[in-house]
Amino acid sequence: MVKVISLSNEAYERLKILKGNDKSFSDIVIKMTTDNKNIIEFAGAWSEEKDKWEKIKKQIYENRKKSKLRDYKW
């Protein structure tokens, strides 16, 4: 099953670099979440950085408003 997610431009560019030409974005996400790394360890990591997080959230929502959904033909 395919899911659509939203990423900031910066996050997309970083994943794109990690992906290279021989891997998919899914491959990279799976690798990042299984190679002795538990994504849950990051939960609450910014709890003391509320001001920074609010700025990032604002930017994410602004980027979402600017982005357009792409049509896919199967």
C-alpha atoms as a PDB file:
ATOM      1  CA  MET A   1       0.000   0.000   0.000  1.00  0.00           C
ATOM      2  CA  VAL A   2       1.288   3.472  -0.858  1.00  0.00           C
ATOM      3  CA  LYS A   3       0.943   6.449   1.511  1.00  0.00           C
ATOM      4  CA  VAL A   4       1.454  10.109   0.725  1.00  0.00           C
ATOM      5  CA  ILE A   5       3.464  12.177   3.222  1.00  0.00           C
ATOM      6  CA  SER A   6       4.526  15.820   3.349  1.00  0.00           C
ATOM      7  CA  LEU A   7       8.130  16.852   3.825  1.00  0.00           C
ATOM      8  CA  SER A   8       9.749  20.240   3.997  1.00  0.00           C
ATOM      9  CA  ASN A   9      11.959  21.079   1.037  1.00  0.00           C
ATOM     10  CA  GLU A  10      15.010  20.690   3.265  1.00  0.00           C
ATOM     11  CA  ALA A  11      13.942  17.228   4.461  1.00  0.00           C
ATOM     12  CA  TYR A  12      13.216  16.162   0.882  1.00  0.00           C
ATOM     13  CA  GLU A  13      16.626  17.341  -0.333  1.00  0.00           C
ATOM     14  CA  ARG A  14      18.407  15.532   2.499  1.00  0.00           C
ATOM     15  CA  LEU A  15      16.568  12.282   1.776  1.00  0.00           C
ATOM     16  CA  LYS A  16      17.233  12.708  -1.931  1.00  0.00           C
ATOM     17  CA  ILE A  17      20.977  12.915  -1.248  1.00  0.00           C
ATOM     18  CA  LEU A  18      20.873   9.784   0.921  1.00  0.00           C
ATOM     19  CA  LYS A  19      18.779   7.993  -1.688  1.00  0.00           C
ATOM     20  CA  GLY A  20      21.151   8.456  -4.602  1.00  0.00           C
ATOM     21  CA  ASN A  21      20.170   6.821  -7.884  1.00  0.00           C
ATOM     22  CA  ASP A  22      20.020   3.219  -6.746  1.00  0.00           C
ATOM     23  CA  LYS A  23      17.559   3.337  -3.824  1.00  0.00           C
ATOM     24  CA  SER A  24      13.988   4.424  -3.239  1.00  0.00           C
ATOM     25  CA  PHE A  25      12.810   6.881  -0.612  1.00  0.00           C
ATOM     26  CA  SER A  26      11.109   3.929   1.105  1.00  0.00           C
ATOM     27  CA  ASP A  27      14.456   2.097   1.249  1.00  0.00           C
ATOM     28  CA  ILE A  28      16.040   5.079   2.995  1.00  0.00           C
ATOM     29  CA  VAL A  29      13.226   5.498   5.543  1.00  0.00           C
ATOM     30  CA  ILE A  30      13.291   1.774   6.335  1.00  0.00           C
ATOM     31  CA  LYS A  31      17.089   1.840   6.715  1.00  0.00           C
ATOM     32  CA  MET A  32      16.968   4.912   8.957  1.00  0.00           C
ATOM     33  CA  THR A  33      14.384   3.336  11.226  1.00  0.00           C
ATOM     34  CA  THR A  34      15.867  -0.175  11.514  1.00  0.00           C
ATOM     35  CA  ASP A  35      19.687   0.061  11.557  1.00  0.00           C
ATOM     36  CA  ASN A  36      20.125  -0.056  15.330  1.00  0.00           C
ATOM     37  CA  LYS A  37      18.138   3.159  15.549  1.00  0.00           C
ATOM     38  CA  ASN A  38      14.805   3.345  17.217  1.00  0.00           C
ATOM     39  CA  ILE A  39      12.813   6.335  16.029  1.00  0.00           C
ATOM     40  CA  ILE A  40      11.008   6.354  19.386  1.00  0.00           C
ATOM     41  CA  GLU A  41      14.289   7.410  21.018  1.00  0.00           C
ATOM     42  CA  PHE A  42      13.798  10.793  19.386  1.00  0.00           C
ATOM     43  CA  ALA A  43      10.346  11.339  20.890  1.00  0.00           C
ATOM     44  CA  GLY A  44      10.380  14.454  23.055  1.00  0.00           C
ATOM     45  CA  ALA A  45      13.878  15.402  21.925  1.00  0.00           C
ATOM     46  CA  TRP A  46      12.753  18.984  21.335  1.00  0.00           C
ATOM     47  CA  SER A  47      10.564  19.324  24.394  1.00  0.00           C
ATOM     48  CA  GLU A  48      12.944  21.919  25.860  1.00  0.00           C
ATOM     49  CA  GLU A  49      13.215  23.752  22.530  1.00  0.00           C
ATOM     50  CA  LYS A  50       9.614  24.967  22.314  1.00  0.00           C
ATOM     51  CA  ASP A  51      10.461  28.266  20.582  1.00  0.00           C
ATOM     52  CA  LYS A  52      12.527  26.542  17.897  1.00  0.00           C
ATOM     53  CA  TRP A  53       9.838  23.896  17.386  1.00  0.00           C
ATOM     54  CA  GLU A  54       7.132  26.561  16.964  1.00  0.00           C
ATOM     55  CA  LYS A  55       9.204  28.260  14.237  1.00  0.00           C
ATOM     56  CA  ILE A  56       9.736  24.938  12.464  1.00  0.00           C
ATOM     57  CA  LYS A  57       6.038  24.050  12.701  1.00  0.00           C
ATOM     58  CA  LYS A  58       5.109  27.423  11.244  1.00  0.00           C
ATOM     59  CA  GLN A  59       7.507  26.885   8.334  1.00  0.00           C
ATOM     60  CA  ILE A  60       6.135  23.386   7.710  1.00  0.00           C
ATOM     61  CA  TYR A  61       2.567  24.690   7.504  1.00  0.00           C
ATOM     62  CA  GLU A  62       3.625  27.548   5.218  1.00  0.00           C
ATOM     63  CA  ASN A  63       5.414  25.089   2.913  1.00  0.00           C
ATOM     64  CA  ARG A  64       2.350  22.830   2.835  1.00  0.00           C
ATOM     65  CA  LYS A  65       0.156  25.737   1.743  1.00  0.00           C
ATOM     66  CA  LYS A  66       2.562  26.505  -1.112  1.00  0.00           C
ATOM     67  CA  SER A  67       2.894  22.936  -2.366  1.00  0.00           C
ATOM     68  CA  LYS A  68       0.582  21.374  -4.911  1.00  0.00           C
ATOM     69  CA  LEU A  69      -0.517  17.773  -5.063  1.00  0.00           C
ATOM     70  CA  ARG A  70       0.736  15.913  -8.072  1.00  0.00           C
ATOM     71  CA  ASP A  71      -1.533  13.781 -10.220  1.00  0.00           C
ATOM     72  CA  TYR A  72      -0.335  10.254 -10.801  1.00  0.00           C
ATOM     73  CA  LYS A  73      -1.474   8.119 -13.684  1.00  0.00           C
ATOM     74  CA  TRP A  74      -1.336   4.410 -13.018  1.00  0.00           C
END
